[in-house]
């Protein structure tokens, strides 16, 4: 069974480019890198796998970084 993380990692292996209306364009690899850095920050703050986390993010590209991270 594929997870959302698996899908992003698969997309990151290719040239997939993601566009946000009125915002930046990133490759899937760039999004994956940003998400991994966000996840590292969450772990450094004491959040562990299985913890429930509320995302309160404006309708901005940063949502995707937080969601995938």
Protein backbone atom coordinates (compact mmCIF):
# COMPACT_ATOMS: atom_id res chain seq x y z
CA UNK A 1 0.00 0.00 0.00
CA UNK A 2 1.36 3.39 -0.94
CA UNK A 3 1.27 6.26 1.49
CA UNK A 4 1.17 9.96 0.64
CA UNK A 5 4.86 10.08 1.61
CA UNK A 6 5.58 7.30 -0.90
CA UNK A 7 3.84 9.30 -3.63
CA UNK A 8 5.87 12.43 -2.91
CA UNK A 9 9.12 10.45 -2.82
CA UNK A 10 8.22 8.86 -6.16
CA UNK A 11 7.44 12.26 -7.70
CA UNK A 12 10.73 13.63 -6.31
CA UNK A 13 12.68 11.11 -8.39
CA UNK A 14 11.42 12.78 -11.59
CA UNK A 15 11.24 16.30 -12.97
CA UNK A 16 7.74 17.00 -11.59
CA UNK A 17 7.23 20.69 -10.97
CA UNK A 18 4.57 22.01 -8.63
CA UNK A 19 2.99 25.42 -9.13
CA UNK A 20 1.06 27.49 -6.62
CA UNK A 21 -1.17 30.20 -8.03
CA UNK A 22 0.37 33.50 -6.99
CA UNK A 23 3.19 31.68 -5.25
CA UNK A 24 6.45 29.88 -5.90
CA UNK A 25 7.10 26.92 -8.16
CA UNK A 26 9.01 24.02 -6.69
CA UNK A 27 10.07 20.67 -8.00
CA UNK A 28 8.74 17.70 -6.07
CA UNK A 29 12.31 17.13 -4.84
CA UNK A 30 12.42 20.68 -3.43
CA UNK A 31 9.08 20.17 -1.68
CA UNK A 32 10.33 16.87 -0.24
CA UNK A 33 13.49 18.59 1.04
CA UNK A 34 11.49 21.40 2.65
CA UNK A 35 9.08 18.90 4.19
CA UNK A 36 11.92 16.82 5.62
CA UNK A 37 13.45 19.95 7.18
CA UNK A 38 10.06 20.86 8.68
CA UNK A 39 9.71 17.34 10.06
CA UNK A 40 13.18 17.61 11.58
CA UNK A 41 12.14 20.82 13.29
CA UNK A 42 9.03 19.12 14.66
CA UNK A 43 11.12 16.23 16.00
CA UNK A 44 13.55 18.70 17.58
CA UNK A 45 10.55 20.30 19.32
CA UNK A 46 9.64 16.91 20.82
CA UNK A 47 6.92 15.79 18.41
CA UNK A 48 7.11 12.04 17.83
CA UNK A 49 5.62 9.66 15.27
CA UNK A 50 2.01 9.00 16.20
CA UNK A 51 1.51 12.34 17.97
CA UNK A 52 -1.48 14.35 16.85
CA UNK A 53 -0.64 17.76 15.48
CA UNK A 54 -2.93 20.61 14.50
CA UNK A 55 -1.87 22.56 11.42
CA UNK A 56 -3.09 26.14 11.48
CA UNK A 57 -1.64 27.57 8.31
CA UNK A 58 -2.85 30.32 6.00
CA UNK A 59 -3.82 29.43 2.45
CA UNK A 60 -0.20 29.65 1.31
CA UNK A 61 2.39 27.31 -0.19
CA UNK A 62 3.78 26.75 3.34
CA UNK A 63 0.71 24.59 3.97
CA UNK A 64 2.13 21.92 1.67
CA UNK A 65 5.50 21.99 3.46
CA UNK A 66 3.76 21.54 6.83
CA UNK A 67 1.37 18.89 5.51
CA UNK A 68 4.04 16.73 3.89
CA UNK A 69 6.48 17.33 6.75
